[in-house]
Amino acid sequence: TSQTRIPLVQNGTVDIECGSTTNNAERAQQVAFTTNIFEIGTRLLVKKDKEGKPSYADFADLKGKNVVTTAGTTSERIIKAMNADKQMGMNVISAKDHGESFQ
């Protein structure tokens, strides 16, 4: 899970984690990261409107909406900080893992 992957690498339970862990300064103090082998950006997964375009185009469109994210992820930290800083009134729901996020 997002909460256990770094401790499991640190204590040797797993040798390598090949997931969606963001390489940031805080995590680099806890574990080592190889050079990038895959690069990704955060995007919103939303319904299509009647014209087939995204029903929400940007984070500002989420004001007052229910937003599901995965607990312990960089996306969760960013969305919660943005919600507080910009007083967006989003209901941020933190699911335990990516699979639960899509239920």
PDB file of N, CA and C in Angstrom:
ATOM      1  N   THR A   1       0.846  -1.195   0.000  1.00  0.00           N
ATOM      2  CA  THR A   1       0.000   0.000   0.000  1.00  0.00           C
ATOM      3  C   THR A   1       0.878   1.240   0.000  1.00  0.00           C
ATOM      4  N   SER A   2       0.280   2.383  -0.215  1.00  0.00           N
ATOM      5  CA  SER A   2       1.025   3.635  -0.192  1.00  0.00           C
ATOM      6  C   SER A   2       1.706   3.861   1.141  1.00  0.00           C
ATOM      7  N   GLN A   3       1.055   3.437   2.216  1.00  0.00           N
ATOM      8  CA  GLN A   3       1.598   3.666   3.557  1.00  0.00           C
ATOM      9  C   GLN A   3       2.743   2.714   3.913  1.00  0.00           C
ATOM     10  N   THR A   4       2.767   1.534   3.309  1.00  0.00           N
ATOM     11  CA  THR A   4       3.749   0.522   3.736  1.00  0.00           C
ATOM     12  C   THR A   4       4.912   0.316   2.778  1.00  0.00           C
ATOM     13  N   ARG A   5       4.851   0.823   1.574  1.00  0.00           N
ATOM     14  CA  ARG A   5       5.879   0.478   0.588  1.00  0.00           C
ATOM     15  C   ARG A   5       7.282   0.939   0.976  1.00  0.00           C
ATOM     16  N   ILE A   6       7.427   2.143   1.509  1.00  0.00           N
ATOM     17  CA  ILE A   6       8.770   2.601   1.902  1.00  0.00           C
ATOM     18  C   ILE A   6       9.284   1.815   3.103  1.00  0.00           C
ATOM     19  N   PRO A   7       8.489   1.622   4.161  1.00  0.00           N
ATOM     20  CA  PRO A   7       8.984   0.792   5.269  1.00  0.00           C
ATOM     21  C   PRO A   7       9.350  -0.635   4.842  1.00  0.00           C
ATOM     22  N   LEU A   8       8.616  -1.223   3.906  1.00  0.00           N
ATOM     23  CA  LEU A   8       8.916  -2.579   3.456  1.00  0.00           C
ATOM     24  C   LEU A   8      10.237  -2.649   2.693  1.00  0.00           C
ATOM     25  N   VAL A   9      10.555  -1.587   1.942  1.00  0.00           N
ATOM     26  CA  VAL A   9      11.868  -1.537   1.278  1.00  0.00           C
ATOM     27  C   VAL A   9      12.953  -1.318   2.323  1.00  0.00           C
ATOM     28  N   GLN A  10      12.700  -0.412   3.267  1.00  0.00           N
ATOM     29  CA  GLN A  10      13.695  -0.112   4.294  1.00  0.00           C
ATOM     30  C   GLN A  10      14.063  -1.339   5.128  1.00  0.00           C
ATOM     31  N   ASN A  11      13.066  -2.149   5.488  1.00  0.00           N
ATOM     32  CA  ASN A  11      13.360  -3.282   6.371  1.00  0.00           C
ATOM     33  C   ASN A  11      13.710  -4.563   5.606  1.00  0.00           C
ATOM     34  N   GLY A  12      13.767  -4.480   4.267  1.00  0.00           N
ATOM     35  CA  GLY A  12      14.202  -5.619   3.462  1.00  0.00           C
ATOM     36  C   GLY A  12      13.142  -6.646   3.149  1.00  0.00           C
ATOM     37  N   THR A  13      11.882  -6.382   3.530  1.00  0.00           N
ATOM     38  CA  THR A  13      10.801  -7.316   3.196  1.00  0.00           C
ATOM     39  C   THR A  13      10.656  -7.441   1.684  1.00  0.00           C
ATOM     40  N   VAL A  14      10.805  -6.328   0.968  1.00  0.00           N
ATOM     41  CA  VAL A  14      10.824  -6.337  -0.500  1.00  0.00           C
ATOM     42  C   VAL A  14      12.136  -5.727  -0.962  1.00  0.00           C
ATOM     43  N   ASP A  15      12.615  -6.169  -2.109  1.00  0.00           N
ATOM     44  CA  ASP A  15      13.886  -5.663  -2.634  1.00  0.00           C
ATOM     45  C   ASP A  15      13.709  -4.414  -3.487  1.00  0.00           C
ATOM     46  N   ILE A  16      12.583  -4.309  -4.162  1.00  0.00           N
ATOM     47  CA  ILE A  16      12.350  -3.194  -5.063  1.00  0.00           C
ATOM     48  C   ILE A  16      10.851  -2.916  -5.135  1.00  0.00           C
ATOM     49  N   GLU A  17      10.473  -1.675  -5.259  1.00  0.00           N
ATOM     50  CA  GLU A  17       9.068  -1.295  -5.408  1.00  0.00           C
ATOM     51  C   GLU A  17       8.912  -0.661  -6.772  1.00  0.00           C
ATOM     52  N   CYS A  18       8.067  -1.241  -7.598  1.00  0.00           N
ATOM     53  CA  CYS A  18       7.817  -0.727  -8.949  1.00  0.00           C
ATOM     54  C   CYS A  18       6.382  -0.241  -9.004  1.00  0.00           C
ATOM     55  N   GLY A  19       6.151   0.928  -8.480  1.00  0.00           N
ATOM     56  CA  GLY A  19       4.796   1.452  -8.429  1.00  0.00           C
ATOM     57  C   GLY A  19       4.781   2.918  -8.787  1.00  0.00           C
ATOM     58  N   SER A  20       3.914   3.617  -8.142  1.00  0.00           N
ATOM     59  CA  SER A  20       3.719   5.039  -8.454  1.00  0.00           C
ATOM     60  C   SER A  20       4.321   5.946  -7.385  1.00  0.00           C
ATOM     61  N   THR A  21       5.418   5.525  -6.789  1.00  0.00           N
ATOM     62  CA  THR A  21       6.052   6.307  -5.739  1.00  0.00           C
ATOM     63  C   THR A  21       6.787   7.506  -6.337  1.00  0.00           C
ATOM     64  N   THR A  22       6.439   8.687  -5.882  1.00  0.00           N
ATOM     65  CA  THR A  22       7.076   9.911  -6.359  1.00  0.00           C
ATOM     66  C   THR A  22       8.438  10.078  -5.698  1.00  0.00           C
ATOM     67  N   ASN A  23       9.432  10.399  -6.506  1.00  0.00           N
ATOM     68  CA  ASN A  23      10.770  10.670  -6.009  1.00  0.00           C
ATOM     69  C   ASN A  23      10.812  12.120  -5.545  1.00  0.00           C
ATOM     70  N   ASN A  24      10.728  12.327  -4.230  1.00  0.00           N
ATOM     71  CA  ASN A  24      10.822  13.678  -3.684  1.00  0.00           C
ATOM     72  C   ASN A  24      11.869  13.717  -2.578  1.00  0.00           C
ATOM     73  N   ALA A  25      12.215  14.908  -2.122  1.00  0.00           N
ATOM     74  CA  ALA A  25      13.293  15.071  -1.142  1.00  0.00           C
ATOM     75  C   ALA A  25      13.019  14.305   0.146  1.00  0.00           C
ATOM     76  N   GLU A  26      11.781  14.345   0.632  1.00  0.00           N
ATOM     77  CA  GLU A  26      11.432  13.645   1.878  1.00  0.00           C
ATOM     78  C   GLU A  26      11.672  12.150   1.746  1.00  0.00           C
ATOM     79  N   ARG A  27      11.207  11.566   0.659  1.00  0.00           N
ATOM     80  CA  ARG A  27      11.374  10.122   0.468  1.00  0.00           C
ATOM     81  C   ARG A  27      12.824   9.752   0.182  1.00  0.00           C
ATOM     82  N   ALA A  28      13.564  10.634  -0.487  1.00  0.00           N
ATOM     83  CA  ALA A  28      14.970  10.368  -0.792  1.00  0.00           C
ATOM     84  C   ALA A  28      15.822  10.296   0.471  1.00  0.00           C
ATOM     85  N   GLN A  29      15.327  10.842   1.577  1.00  0.00           N
ATOM     86  CA  GLN A  29      16.025  10.713   2.848  1.00  0.00           C
ATOM     87  C   GLN A  29      15.809   9.324   3.461  1.00  0.00           C
ATOM     88  N   GLN A  30      14.788   8.616   2.994  1.00  0.00           N
ATOM     89  CA  GLN A  30      14.433   7.318   3.564  1.00  0.00           C
ATOM     90  C   GLN A  30      14.902   6.137   2.723  1.00  0.00           C
ATOM     91  N   VAL A  31      14.880   6.294   1.396  1.00  0.00           N
ATOM     92  CA  VAL A  31      15.248   5.219   0.474  1.00  0.00           C
ATOM     93  C   VAL A  31      15.995   5.819  -0.710  1.00  0.00           C
ATOM     94  N   ALA A  32      16.663   4.967  -1.483  1.00  0.00           N
ATOM     95  CA  ALA A  32      17.366   5.415  -2.685  1.00  0.00           C
ATOM     96  C   ALA A  32      16.467   5.222  -3.908  1.00  0.00           C
ATOM     97  N   PHE A  33      16.595   6.129  -4.863  1.00  0.00           N
ATOM     98  CA  PHE A  33      15.857   6.035  -6.123  1.00  0.00           C
ATOM     99  C   PHE A  33      16.854   5.848  -7.263  1.00  0.00           C
ATOM    100  N   THR A  34      16.521   4.982  -8.211  1.00  0.00           N
ATOM    101  CA  THR A  34      17.346   4.827  -9.408  1.00  0.00           C
ATOM    102  C   THR A  34      17.085   6.020 -10.323  1.00  0.00           C
ATOM    103  N   THR A  35      17.772   6.062 -11.450  1.00  0.00           N
ATOM    104  CA  THR A  35      17.445   7.074 -12.448  1.00  0.00           C
ATOM    105  C   THR A  35      16.041   6.773 -12.968  1.00  0.00           C
ATOM    106  N   ASN A  36      15.377   7.773 -13.493  1.00  0.00           N
ATOM    107  CA  ASN A  36      14.014   7.587 -13.987  1.00  0.00           C
ATOM    108  C   ASN A  36      13.982   6.611 -15.147  1.00  0.00           C
ATOM    109  N   ILE A  37      13.012   5.678 -15.074  1.00  0.00           N
ATOM    110  CA  ILE A  37      12.792   4.752 -16.183  1.00  0.00           C
ATOM    111  C   ILE A  37      11.405   4.975 -16.795  1.00  0.00           C
ATOM    112  N   PHE A  38      10.598   5.765 -16.114  1.00  0.00           N
ATOM    113  CA  PHE A  38       9.241   6.057 -16.576  1.00  0.00           C
ATOM    114  C   PHE A  38       8.827   7.371 -15.944  1.00  0.00           C
ATOM    115  N   GLU A  39       8.248   8.251 -16.720  1.00  0.00           N
ATOM    116  CA  GLU A  39       7.820   9.542 -16.189  1.00  0.00           C
ATOM    117  C   GLU A  39       6.316   9.693 -16.377  1.00  0.00           C
ATOM    118  N   ILE A  40       5.679  10.252 -15.378  1.00  0.00           N
ATOM    119  CA  ILE A  40       4.222  10.362 -15.376  1.00  0.00           C
ATOM    120  C   ILE A  40       3.808  11.682 -14.753  1.00  0.00           C
ATOM    121  N   GLY A  41       2.622  12.125 -15.059  1.00  0.00           N
ATOM    122  CA  GLY A  41       2.061  13.314 -14.439  1.00  0.00           C
ATOM    123  C   GLY A  41       0.704  12.990 -13.852  1.00  0.00           C
ATOM    124  N   THR A  42       0.268  13.798 -12.926  1.00  0.00           N
ATOM    125  CA  THR A  42      -1.039  13.584 -12.316  1.00  0.00           C
ATOM    126  C   THR A  42      -2.117  14.174 -13.223  1.00  0.00           C
ATOM    127  N   ARG A  43      -3.139  13.402 -13.457  1.00  0.00           N
ATOM    128  CA  ARG A  43      -4.277  13.845 -14.256  1.00  0.00           C
ATOM    129  C   ARG A  43      -5.562  13.507 -13.522  1.00  0.00           C
ATOM    130  N   LEU A  44      -6.610  14.175 -13.913  1.00  0.00           N
ATOM    131  CA  LEU A  44      -7.932  13.911 -13.341  1.00  0.00           C
ATOM    132  C   LEU A  44      -8.662  12.903 -14.215  1.00  0.00           C
ATOM    133  N   LEU A  45      -9.255  11.886 -13.611  1.00  0.00           N
ATOM    134  CA  LEU A  45     -10.080  10.942 -14.338  1.00  0.00           C
ATOM    135  C   LEU A  45     -11.522  11.376 -14.116  1.00  0.00           C
ATOM    136  N   VAL A  46     -12.198  11.828 -15.191  1.00  0.00           N
ATOM    137  CA  VAL A  46     -13.542  12.402 -15.087  1.00  0.00           C
ATOM    138  C   VAL A  46     -14.446  11.855 -16.193  1.00  0.00           C
ATOM    139  N   LYS A  47     -15.768  12.049 -16.009  1.00  0.00           N
ATOM    140  CA  LYS A  47     -16.731  11.680 -17.035  1.00  0.00           C
ATOM    141  C   LYS A  47     -16.581  12.587 -18.249  1.00  0.00           C
ATOM    142  N   LYS A  48     -17.023  12.069 -19.384  1.00  0.00           N
ATOM    143  CA  LYS A  48     -17.099  12.893 -20.584  1.00  0.00           C
ATOM    144  C   LYS A  48     -18.420  13.647 -20.567  1.00  0.00           C
ATOM    145  N   ASP A  49     -18.412  14.857 -21.132  1.00  0.00           N
ATOM    146  CA  ASP A  49     -19.667  15.586 -21.274  1.00  0.00           C
ATOM    147  C   ASP A  49     -20.361  15.119 -22.560  1.00  0.00           C
ATOM    148  N   LYS A  50     -21.453  15.760 -22.931  1.00  0.00           N
ATOM    149  CA  LYS A  50     -22.236  15.335 -24.100  1.00  0.00           C
ATOM    150  C   LYS A  50     -21.461  15.446 -25.411  1.00  0.00           C
ATOM    151  N   GLU A  51     -20.474  16.333 -25.452  1.00  0.00           N
ATOM    152  CA  GLU A  51     -19.654  16.490 -26.652  1.00  0.00           C
ATOM    153  C   GLU A  51     -18.422  15.583 -26.642  1.00  0.00           C
ATOM    154  N   GLY A  52     -18.276  14.763 -25.607  1.00  0.00           N
ATOM    155  CA  GLY A  52     -17.154  13.854 -25.511  1.00  0.00           C
ATOM    156  C   GLY A  52     -15.909  14.469 -24.895  1.00  0.00           C
ATOM    157  N   LYS A  53     -16.033  15.671 -24.358  1.00  0.00           N
ATOM    158  CA  LYS A  53     -14.913  16.352 -23.710  1.00  0.00           C
ATOM    159  C   LYS A  53     -14.960  16.094 -22.208  1.00  0.00           C
ATOM    160  N   PRO A  54     -13.834  16.303 -21.510  1.00  0.00           N
ATOM    161  CA  PRO A  54     -13.848  16.109 -20.053  1.00  0.00           C
ATOM    162  C   PRO A  54     -14.863  17.026 -19.374  1.00  0.00           C
ATOM    163  N   SER A  55     -15.619  16.457 -18.430  1.00  0.00           N
ATOM    164  CA  SER A  55     -16.619  17.253 -17.720  1.00  0.00           C
ATOM    165  C   SER A  55     -15.978  18.263 -16.770  1.00  0.00           C
ATOM    166  N   TYR A  56     -14.723  18.022 -16.373  1.00  0.00           N
ATOM    167  CA  TYR A  56     -13.940  18.943 -15.558  1.00  0.00           C
ATOM    168  C   TYR A  56     -12.600  19.092 -16.263  1.00  0.00           C
ATOM    169  N   ALA A  57     -12.150  20.317 -16.473  1.00  0.00           N
ATOM    170  CA  ALA A  57     -10.917  20.535 -17.223  1.00  0.00           C
ATOM    171  C   ALA A  57      -9.708  20.815 -16.332  1.00  0.00           C
ATOM    172  N   ASP A  58      -9.938  21.316 -15.133  1.00  0.00           N
ATOM    173  CA  ASP A  58      -8.833  21.730 -14.280  1.00  0.00           C
ATOM    174  C   ASP A  58      -9.226  21.574 -12.822  1.00  0.00           C
ATOM    175  N   PHE A  59      -8.257  21.706 -11.947  1.00  0.00           N
ATOM    176  CA  PHE A  59      -8.525  21.559 -10.518  1.00  0.00           C
ATOM    177  C   PHE A  59      -9.549  22.576 -10.016  1.00  0.00           C
ATOM    178  N   ALA A  60      -9.577  23.765 -10.569  1.00  0.00           N
ATOM    179  CA  ALA A  60     -10.535  24.789 -10.135  1.00  0.00           C
ATOM    180  C   ALA A  60     -11.974  24.323 -10.328  1.00  0.00           C
ATOM    181  N   ASP A  61     -12.210  23.441 -11.299  1.00  0.00           N
ATOM    182  CA  ASP A  61     -13.554  22.918 -11.559  1.00  0.00           C
ATOM    183  C   ASP A  61     -14.042  21.982 -10.459  1.00  0.00           C
ATOM    184  N   LEU A  62     -13.160  21.581  -9.558  1.00  0.00           N
ATOM    185  CA  LEU A  62     -13.516  20.636  -8.500  1.00  0.00           C
ATOM    186  C   LEU A  62     -14.057  21.313  -7.245  1.00  0.00           C
ATOM    187  N   LYS A  63     -14.182  22.618  -7.265  1.00  0.00           N
ATOM    188  CA  LYS A  63     -14.685  23.355  -6.102  1.00  0.00           C
ATOM    189  C   LYS A  63     -16.037  22.782  -5.674  1.00  0.00           C
ATOM    190  N   GLY A  64     -16.114  22.376  -4.395  1.00  0.00           N
ATOM    191  CA  GLY A  64     -17.349  21.846  -3.831  1.00  0.00           C
ATOM    192  C   GLY A  64     -17.696  20.421  -4.239  1.00  0.00           C
ATOM    193  N   LYS A  65     -16.798  19.738  -4.939  1.00  0.00           N
ATOM    194  CA  LYS A  65     -17.070  18.380  -5.436  1.00  0.00           C
ATOM    195  C   LYS A  65     -16.479  17.310  -4.521  1.00  0.00           C
ATOM    196  N   ASN A  66     -16.951  16.074  -4.702  1.00  0.00           N
ATOM    197  CA  ASN A  66     -16.362  14.906  -4.049  1.00  0.00           C
ATOM    198  C   ASN A  66     -15.180  14.464  -4.890  1.00  0.00           C
ATOM    199  N   VAL A  67     -14.012  14.310  -4.256  1.00  0.00           N
ATOM    200  CA  VAL A  67     -12.796  13.922  -4.966  1.00  0.00           C
ATOM    201  C   VAL A  67     -12.184  12.722  -4.237  1.00  0.00           C
ATOM    202  N   VAL A  68     -11.949  11.638  -4.976  1.00  0.00           N
ATOM    203  CA  VAL A  68     -11.338  10.441  -4.390  1.00  0.00           C
ATOM    204  C   VAL A  68      -9.873  10.399  -4.810  1.00  0.00           C
ATOM    205  N   THR A  69      -9.012  10.107  -3.855  1.00  0.00           N
ATOM    206  CA  THR A  69      -7.587   9.961  -4.107  1.00  0.00           C
ATOM    207  C   THR A  69      -7.076   8.796  -3.264  1.00  0.00           C
ATOM    208  N   THR A  70      -5.882   8.340  -3.537  1.00  0.00           N
ATOM    209  CA  THR A  70      -5.321   7.219  -2.788  1.00  0.00           C
ATOM    210  C   THR A  70      -4.522   7.732  -1.595  1.00  0.00           C
ATOM    211  N   ALA A  71      -4.801   7.187  -0.425  1.00  0.00           N
ATOM    212  CA  ALA A  71      -4.137   7.604   0.810  1.00  0.00           C
ATOM    213  C   ALA A  71      -2.631   7.407   0.713  1.00  0.00           C
ATOM    214  N   GLY A  72      -1.888   8.365   1.241  1.00  0.00           N
ATOM    215  CA  GLY A  72      -0.438   8.262   1.299  1.00  0.00           C
ATOM    216  C   GLY A  72       0.297   8.652   0.040  1.00  0.00           C
ATOM    217  N   THR A  73      -0.428   9.117  -0.973  1.00  0.00           N
ATOM    218  CA  THR A  73       0.212   9.472  -2.238  1.00  0.00           C
ATOM    219  C   THR A  73       0.521  10.967  -2.295  1.00  0.00           C
ATOM    220  N   THR A  74       1.397  11.316  -3.213  1.00  0.00           N
ATOM    221  CA  THR A  74       1.703  12.727  -3.453  1.00  0.00           C
ATOM    222  C   THR A  74       0.440  13.452  -3.905  1.00  0.00           C
ATOM    223  N   SER A  75      -0.372  12.806  -4.720  1.00  0.00           N
ATOM    224  CA  SER A  75      -1.622  13.421  -5.177  1.00  0.00           C
ATOM    225  C   SER A  75      -2.531  13.771  -4.009  1.00  0.00           C
ATOM    226  N   GLU A  76      -2.607  12.886  -3.015  1.00  0.00           N
ATOM    227  CA  GLU A  76      -3.442  13.166  -1.845  1.00  0.00           C
ATOM    228  C   GLU A  76      -2.930  14.404  -1.108  1.00  0.00           C
ATOM    229  N   ARG A  77      -1.634  14.455  -0.907  1.00  0.00           N
ATOM    230  CA  ARG A  77      -1.043  15.594  -0.191  1.00  0.00           C
ATOM    231  C   ARG A  77      -1.304  16.903  -0.944  1.00  0.00           C
ATOM    232  N   ILE A  78      -1.115  16.881  -2.258  1.00  0.00           N
ATOM    233  CA  ILE A  78      -1.299  18.090  -3.065  1.00  0.00           C
ATOM    234  C   ILE A  78      -2.762  18.521  -3.087  1.00  0.00           C
ATOM    235  N   ILE A  79      -3.681  17.590  -3.300  1.00  0.00           N
ATOM    236  CA  ILE A  79      -5.103  17.943  -3.397  1.00  0.00           C
ATOM    237  C   ILE A  79      -5.626  18.477  -2.065  1.00  0.00           C
ATOM    238  N   LYS A  80      -5.174  17.883  -0.954  1.00  0.00           N
ATOM    239  CA  LYS A  80      -5.610  18.379   0.357  1.00  0.00           C
ATOM    240  C   LYS A  80      -5.046  19.760   0.643  1.00  0.00           C
ATOM    241  N   ALA A  81      -3.792  19.994   0.286  1.00  0.00           N
ATOM    242  CA  ALA A  81      -3.189  21.318   0.496  1.00  0.00           C
ATOM    243  C   ALA A  81      -3.882  22.368  -0.364  1.00  0.00           C
ATOM    244  N   MET A  82      -4.166  22.029  -1.616  1.00  0.00           N
ATOM    245  CA  MET A  82      -4.845  22.963  -2.507  1.00  0.00           C
ATOM    246  C   MET A  82      -6.259  23.260  -2.000  1.00  0.00           C
ATOM    247  N   ASN A  83      -6.941  22.236  -1.516  1.00  0.00           N
ATOM    248  CA  ASN A  83      -8.294  22.408  -0.995  1.00  0.00           C
ATOM    249  C   ASN A  83      -8.294  23.387   0.182  1.00  0.00           C
ATOM    250  N   ALA A  84      -7.325  23.243   1.068  1.00  0.00           N
ATOM    251  CA  ALA A  84      -7.235  24.134   2.234  1.00  0.00           C
ATOM    252  C   ALA A  84      -6.774  25.531   1.831  1.00  0.00           C
ATOM    253  N   ASP A  85      -5.706  25.604   1.038  1.00  0.00           N
ATOM    254  CA  ASP A  85      -5.135  26.899   0.655  1.00  0.00           C
ATOM    255  C   ASP A  85      -6.098  27.765  -0.151  1.00  0.00           C
ATOM    256  N   LYS A  86      -6.829  27.131  -1.055  1.00  0.00           N
ATOM    257  CA  LYS A  86      -7.728  27.873  -1.949  1.00  0.00           C
ATOM    258  C   LYS A  86      -9.176  27.839  -1.484  1.00  0.00           C
ATOM    259  N   GLN A  87      -9.405  27.247  -0.300  1.00  0.00           N
ATOM    260  CA  GLN A  87     -10.743  27.149   0.285  1.00  0.00           C
ATOM    261  C   GLN A  87     -11.767  26.688  -0.756  1.00  0.00           C
ATOM    262  N   MET A  88     -11.479  25.529  -1.351  1.00  0.00           N
ATOM    263  CA  MET A  88     -12.304  25.012  -2.439  1.00  0.00           C
ATOM    264  C   MET A  88     -13.524  24.231  -1.972  1.00  0.00           C
ATOM    265  N   GLY A  89     -13.550  23.836  -0.713  1.00  0.00           N
ATOM    266  CA  GLY A  89     -14.707  23.110  -0.191  1.00  0.00           C
ATOM    267  C   GLY A  89     -14.894  21.734  -0.782  1.00  0.00           C
ATOM    268  N   MET A  90     -13.813  21.123  -1.273  1.00  0.00           N
ATOM    269  CA  MET A  90     -13.917  19.759  -1.799  1.00  0.00           C
ATOM    270  C   MET A  90     -14.080  18.781  -0.648  1.00  0.00           C
ATOM    271  N   ASN A  91     -14.805  17.699  -0.899  1.00  0.00           N
ATOM    272  CA  ASN A  91     -14.889  16.582   0.031  1.00  0.00           C
ATOM    273  C   ASN A  91     -13.860  15.565  -0.444  1.00  0.00           C
ATOM    274  N   VAL A  92     -12.658  15.588   0.155  1.00  0.00           N
ATOM    275  CA  VAL A  92     -11.579  14.705  -0.275  1.00  0.00           C
ATOM    276  C   VAL A  92     -11.718  13.369   0.455  1.00  0.00           C
ATOM    277  N   ILE A  93     -11.887  12.307  -0.325  1.00  0.00           N
ATOM    278  CA  ILE A  93     -12.048  10.955   0.191  1.00  0.00           C
ATOM    279  C   ILE A  93     -10.757  10.200  -0.096  1.00  0.00           C
ATOM    280  N   SER A  94     -10.096   9.722   0.956  1.00  0.00           N
ATOM    281  CA  SER A  94      -8.836   9.009   0.792  1.00  0.00           C
ATOM    282  C   SER A  94      -9.071   7.507   0.880  1.00  0.00           C
ATOM    283  N   ALA A  95      -8.942   6.833  -0.269  1.00  0.00           N
ATOM    284  CA  ALA A  95      -9.110   5.378  -0.327  1.00  0.00           C
ATOM    285  C   ALA A  95      -7.815   4.701   0.083  1.00  0.00           C
ATOM    286  N   LYS A  96      -7.905   3.460   0.550  1.00  0.00           N
ATOM    287  CA  LYS A  96      -6.719   2.781   1.078  1.00  0.00           C
ATOM    288  C   LYS A  96      -5.713   2.402   0.003  1.00  0.00           C
ATOM    289  N   ASP A  97      -6.155   2.186  -1.229  1.00  0.00           N
ATOM    290  CA  ASP A  97      -5.224   1.842  -2.322  1.00  0.00           C
ATOM    291  C   ASP A  97      -5.848   2.266  -3.649  1.00  0.00           C
ATOM    292  N   HIS A  98      -5.085   2.091  -4.733  1.00  0.00           N
ATOM    293  CA  HIS A  98      -5.585   2.531  -6.045  1.00  0.00           C
ATOM    294  C   HIS A  98      -6.849   1.786  -6.455  1.00  0.00           C
ATOM    295  N   GLY A  99      -6.912   0.495  -6.158  1.00  0.00           N
ATOM    296  CA  GLY A  99      -8.102  -0.285  -6.508  1.00  0.00           C
ATOM    297  C   GLY A  99      -9.351   0.260  -5.842  1.00  0.00           C
ATOM    298  N   GLU A 100      -9.261   0.577  -4.569  1.00  0.00           N
ATOM    299  CA  GLU A 100     -10.415   1.132  -3.843  1.00  0.00           C
ATOM    300  C   GLU A 100     -10.776   2.520  -4.378  1.00  0.00           C
ATOM    301  N   SER A 101      -9.789   3.255  -4.846  1.00  0.00           N
ATOM    302  CA  SER A 101     -10.050   4.597  -5.384  1.00  0.00           C
ATOM    303  C   SER A 101     -10.992   4.550  -6.579  1.00  0.00           C
ATOM    304  N   PHE A 102     -10.966   3.441  -7.313  1.00  0.00           N
ATOM    305  CA  PHE A 102     -11.782   3.329  -8.528  1.00  0.00           C
ATOM    306  C   PHE A 102     -13.112   2.627  -8.301  1.00  0.00           C
ATOM    307  N   GLN A 103     -13.456   2.300  -7.063  1.00  0.00           N
ATOM    308  CA  GLN A 103     -14.729   1.623  -6.790  1.00  0.00           C
ATOM    309  C   GLN A 103     -15.841   2.627  -6.657  1.00  0.00           C
TER     310      GLN A 103
END
